[in-house]
């Protein structure tokens, strides 16, 4: 199931968050809160690239 893809999920009150690893082994975190998904929490939001 999802564990085979390296996905981890956590249920915490109204928010669900987790992390996954791409083929290069880089961790990406995601958040689902109030039916709104936020992916790649590790991305620098101040980056201009």
PDB file of N, CA and C in Angstrom:
ATOM      1  N   UNK A   1       0.845  -1.194   0.000  1.00  0.00           N
ATOM      2  CA  UNK A   1       0.000   0.000   0.000  1.00  0.00           C
ATOM      3  C   UNK A   1       0.885   1.250   0.000  1.00  0.00           C
ATOM      4  N   UNK A   2       0.461   2.288   0.716  1.00  0.00           N
ATOM      5  CA  UNK A   2       1.214   3.534   0.701  1.00  0.00           C
ATOM      6  C   UNK A   2       2.600   3.391   1.300  1.00  0.00           C
ATOM      7  N   UNK A   3       2.756   2.475   2.272  1.00  0.00           N
ATOM      8  CA  UNK A   3       4.060   2.303   2.902  1.00  0.00           C
ATOM      9  C   UNK A   3       5.111   1.880   1.886  1.00  0.00           C
ATOM     10  N   UNK A   4       4.702   1.154   0.865  1.00  0.00           N
ATOM     11  CA  UNK A   4       5.642   0.695  -0.152  1.00  0.00           C
ATOM     12  C   UNK A   4       6.184   1.845  -0.991  1.00  0.00           C
ATOM     13  N   UNK A   5       5.488   2.975  -0.992  1.00  0.00           N
ATOM     14  CA  UNK A   5       5.930   4.135  -1.752  1.00  0.00           C
ATOM     15  C   UNK A   5       6.764   5.083  -0.900  1.00  0.00           C
ATOM     16  N   UNK A   6       7.001   4.712   0.341  1.00  0.00           N
ATOM     17  CA  UNK A   6       7.775   5.569   1.227  1.00  0.00           C
ATOM     18  C   UNK A   6       6.974   6.729   1.772  1.00  0.00           C
ATOM     19  N   UNK A   7       5.653   6.613   1.732  1.00  0.00           N
ATOM     20  CA  UNK A   7       4.808   7.686   2.245  1.00  0.00           C
ATOM     21  C   UNK A   7       4.517   7.461   3.715  1.00  0.00           C
ATOM     22  N   UNK A   8       4.557   8.528   4.473  1.00  0.00           N
ATOM     23  CA  UNK A   8       4.138   8.441   5.867  1.00  0.00           C
ATOM     24  C   UNK A   8       3.049   9.475   6.090  1.00  0.00           C
ATOM     25  N   UNK A   9       2.025   9.108   6.800  1.00  0.00           N
ATOM     26  CA  UNK A   9       0.938  10.042   7.081  1.00  0.00           C
ATOM     27  C   UNK A   9       0.673  10.087   8.575  1.00  0.00           C
ATOM     28  N   UNK A  10       0.212  11.213   9.034  1.00  0.00           N
ATOM     29  CA  UNK A  10      -0.097  11.404  10.440  1.00  0.00           C
ATOM     30  C   UNK A  10      -1.419  12.154  10.525  1.00  0.00           C
ATOM     31  N   UNK A  11      -2.278  11.705  11.395  1.00  0.00           N
ATOM     32  CA  UNK A  11      -3.557  12.388  11.566  1.00  0.00           C
ATOM     33  C   UNK A  11      -3.508  13.165  12.876  1.00  0.00           C
ATOM     34  N   UNK A  12      -3.725  14.450  12.798  1.00  0.00           N
ATOM     35  CA  UNK A  12      -3.621  15.311  13.977  1.00  0.00           C
ATOM     36  C   UNK A  12      -4.772  16.313  13.925  1.00  0.00           C
ATOM     37  N   UNK A  13      -5.747  16.122  14.777  1.00  0.00           N
ATOM     38  CA  UNK A  13      -6.954  16.944  14.819  1.00  0.00           C
ATOM     39  C   UNK A  13      -7.543  17.073  13.417  1.00  0.00           C
ATOM     40  N   UNK A  14      -7.686  18.289  12.917  1.00  0.00           N
ATOM     41  CA  UNK A  14      -8.312  18.496  11.614  1.00  0.00           C
ATOM     42  C   UNK A  14      -7.301  18.443  10.470  1.00  0.00           C
ATOM     43  N   UNK A  15      -6.027  18.377  10.808  1.00  0.00           N
ATOM     44  CA  UNK A  15      -4.993  18.435   9.780  1.00  0.00           C
ATOM     45  C   UNK A  15      -4.355  17.067   9.588  1.00  0.00           C
ATOM     46  N   UNK A  16      -4.046  16.740   8.348  1.00  0.00           N
ATOM     47  CA  UNK A  16      -3.294  15.538   8.058  1.00  0.00           C
ATOM     48  C   UNK A  16      -2.037  15.958   7.314  1.00  0.00           C
ATOM     49  N   UNK A  17      -0.898  15.417   7.746  1.00  0.00           N
ATOM     50  CA  UNK A  17       0.343  15.775   7.089  1.00  0.00           C
ATOM     51  C   UNK A  17       1.182  14.521   6.917  1.00  0.00           C
ATOM     52  N   UNK A  18       2.165  14.621   6.064  1.00  0.00           N
ATOM     53  CA  UNK A  18       3.025  13.474   5.852  1.00  0.00           C
ATOM     54  C   UNK A  18       4.233  13.887   5.030  1.00  0.00           C
ATOM     55  N   UNK A  19       4.967  12.900   4.617  1.00  0.00           N
ATOM     56  CA  UNK A  19       6.156  13.177   3.816  1.00  0.00           C
ATOM     57  C   UNK A  19       6.377  12.038   2.848  1.00  0.00           C
ATOM     58  N   UNK A  20       7.069  12.339   1.772  1.00  0.00           N
ATOM     59  CA  UNK A  20       7.406  11.318   0.789  1.00  0.00           C
ATOM     60  C   UNK A  20       8.777  11.652   0.232  1.00  0.00           C
ATOM     61  N   UNK A  21       9.389  10.653  -0.381  1.00  0.00           N
ATOM     62  CA  UNK A  21      10.741  10.816  -0.921  1.00  0.00           C
ATOM     63  C   UNK A  21      10.688  10.578  -2.416  1.00  0.00           C
ATOM     64  N   UNK A  22      11.311  11.481  -3.179  1.00  0.00           N
ATOM     65  CA  UNK A  22      11.348  11.277  -4.625  1.00  0.00           C
ATOM     66  C   UNK A  22      12.467  10.306  -4.976  1.00  0.00           C
ATOM     67  N   UNK A  23      12.649  10.062  -6.256  1.00  0.00           N
ATOM     68  CA  UNK A  23      13.616   9.051  -6.685  1.00  0.00           C
ATOM     69  C   UNK A  23      15.045   9.417  -6.301  1.00  0.00           C
ATOM     70  N   UNK A  24      15.296  10.708  -6.081  1.00  0.00           N
ATOM     71  CA  UNK A  24      16.634  11.149  -5.689  1.00  0.00           C
ATOM     72  C   UNK A  24      16.812  11.111  -4.168  1.00  0.00           C
ATOM     73  N   UNK A  25      15.773  10.705  -3.459  1.00  0.00           N
ATOM     74  CA  UNK A  25      15.872  10.613  -2.009  1.00  0.00           C
ATOM     75  C   UNK A  25      15.604  11.919  -1.291  1.00  0.00           C
ATOM     76  N   UNK A  26      15.145  12.925  -2.021  1.00  0.00           N
ATOM     77  CA  UNK A  26      14.827  14.206  -1.386  1.00  0.00           C
ATOM     78  C   UNK A  26      13.457  14.105  -0.719  1.00  0.00           C
ATOM     79  N   UNK A  27      13.391  14.569   0.527  1.00  0.00           N
ATOM     80  CA  UNK A  27      12.130  14.521   1.270  1.00  0.00           C
ATOM     81  C   UNK A  27      11.240  15.692   0.897  1.00  0.00           C
ATOM     82  N   UNK A  28       9.983  15.396   0.685  1.00  0.00           N
ATOM     83  CA  UNK A  28       8.971  16.428   0.481  1.00  0.00           C
ATOM     84  C   UNK A  28       7.897  16.220   1.533  1.00  0.00           C
ATOM     85  N   UNK A  29       7.469  17.303   2.150  1.00  0.00           N
ATOM     86  CA  UNK A  29       6.398  17.212   3.135  1.00  0.00           C
ATOM     87  C   UNK A  29       5.145  17.853   2.557  1.00  0.00           C
ATOM     88  N   UNK A  30       4.007  17.326   2.961  1.00  0.00           N
ATOM     89  CA  UNK A  30       2.745  17.888   2.490  1.00  0.00           C
ATOM     90  C   UNK A  30       1.803  18.037   3.672  1.00  0.00           C
ATOM     91  N   UNK A  31       0.809  18.871   3.499  1.00  0.00           N
ATOM     92  CA  UNK A  31      -0.152  19.153   4.550  1.00  0.00           C
ATOM     93  C   UNK A  31      -1.547  19.249   3.944  1.00  0.00           C
ATOM     94  N   UNK A  32      -2.504  18.620   4.605  1.00  0.00           N
ATOM     95  CA  UNK A  32      -3.904  18.742   4.205  1.00  0.00           C
ATOM     96  C   UNK A  32      -4.662  19.250   5.414  1.00  0.00           C
ATOM     97  N   UNK A  33      -5.149  20.474   5.321  1.00  0.00           N
ATOM     98  CA  UNK A  33      -5.821  21.104   6.454  1.00  0.00           C
ATOM     99  C   UNK A  33      -7.083  21.795   5.974  1.00  0.00           C
ATOM    100  N   UNK A  34      -8.194  21.483   6.631  1.00  0.00           N
ATOM    101  CA  UNK A  34      -9.475  22.089   6.274  1.00  0.00           C
ATOM    102  C   UNK A  34      -9.763  21.923   4.785  1.00  0.00           C
ATOM    103  N   UNK A  35      -9.503  20.722   4.265  1.00  0.00           N
ATOM    104  CA  UNK A  35      -9.752  20.379   2.862  1.00  0.00           C
ATOM    105  C   UNK A  35      -8.896  21.193   1.894  1.00  0.00           C
ATOM    106  N   UNK A  36      -7.813  21.780   2.394  1.00  0.00           N
ATOM    107  CA  UNK A  36      -6.906  22.535   1.529  1.00  0.00           C
ATOM    108  C   UNK A  36      -5.537  21.884   1.586  1.00  0.00           C
ATOM    109  N   UNK A  37      -5.050  21.482   0.432  1.00  0.00           N
ATOM    110  CA  UNK A  37      -3.783  20.759   0.383  1.00  0.00           C
ATOM    111  C   UNK A  37      -2.630  21.726   0.150  1.00  0.00           C
ATOM    112  N   UNK A  38      -1.569  21.534   0.933  1.00  0.00           N
ATOM    113  CA  UNK A  38      -0.332  22.305   0.748  1.00  0.00           C
ATOM    114  C   UNK A  38       0.782  21.289   0.544  1.00  0.00           C
ATOM    115  N   UNK A  39       1.371  21.294  -0.642  1.00  0.00           N
ATOM    116  CA  UNK A  39       2.402  20.318  -0.956  1.00  0.00           C
ATOM    117  C   UNK A  39       3.782  20.954  -0.867  1.00  0.00           C
ATOM    118  N   UNK A  40       4.748  20.129  -0.590  1.00  0.00           N
ATOM    119  CA  UNK A  40       6.153  20.539  -0.561  1.00  0.00           C
ATOM    120  C   UNK A  40       6.397  21.663   0.448  1.00  0.00           C
ATOM    121  N   UNK A  41       6.190  21.350   1.709  1.00  0.00           N
ATOM    122  CA  UNK A  41       6.387  22.344   2.762  1.00  0.00           C
ATOM    123  C   UNK A  41       7.845  22.758   2.899  1.00  0.00           C
ATOM    124  N   UNK A  42       8.758  21.929   2.369  1.00  0.00           N
ATOM    125  CA  UNK A  42      10.177  22.253   2.493  1.00  0.00           C
ATOM    126  C   UNK A  42      10.644  23.280   1.469  1.00  0.00           C
ATOM    127  N   UNK A  43       9.804  23.595   0.509  1.00  0.00           N
ATOM    128  CA  UNK A  43      10.199  24.550  -0.530  1.00  0.00           C
ATOM    129  C   UNK A  43      10.348  25.944   0.070  1.00  0.00           C
ATOM    130  N   UNK A  44      11.368  26.653  -0.368  1.00  0.00           N
ATOM    131  CA  UNK A  44      11.607  28.005   0.124  1.00  0.00           C
ATOM    132  C   UNK A  44      10.610  28.949  -0.531  1.00  0.00           C
ATOM    133  N   UNK A  45       9.687  29.482   0.245  1.00  0.00           N
ATOM    134  CA  UNK A  45       8.648  30.336  -0.318  1.00  0.00           C
ATOM    135  C   UNK A  45       9.200  31.694  -0.750  1.00  0.00           C
ATOM    136  N   UNK A  46      10.401  32.022  -0.296  1.00  0.00           N
ATOM    137  CA  UNK A  46      11.003  33.303  -0.664  1.00  0.00           C
ATOM    138  C   UNK A  46      11.887  33.182  -1.896  1.00  0.00           C
ATOM    139  N   UNK A  47      12.004  31.979  -2.425  1.00  0.00           N
ATOM    140  CA  UNK A  47      12.873  31.786  -3.582  1.00  0.00           C
ATOM    141  C   UNK A  47      12.283  32.449  -4.816  1.00  0.00           C
ATOM    142  N   UNK A  48      13.123  33.066  -5.608  1.00  0.00           N
ATOM    143  CA  UNK A  48      12.655  33.739  -6.823  1.00  0.00           C
ATOM    144  C   UNK A  48      12.908  32.890  -8.052  1.00  0.00           C
ATOM    145  N   UNK A  49      13.520  31.731  -7.888  1.00  0.00           N
ATOM    146  CA  UNK A  49      13.840  30.900  -9.038  1.00  0.00           C
ATOM    147  C   UNK A  49      12.587  30.215  -9.574  1.00  0.00           C
TER     148      UNK A  49
END
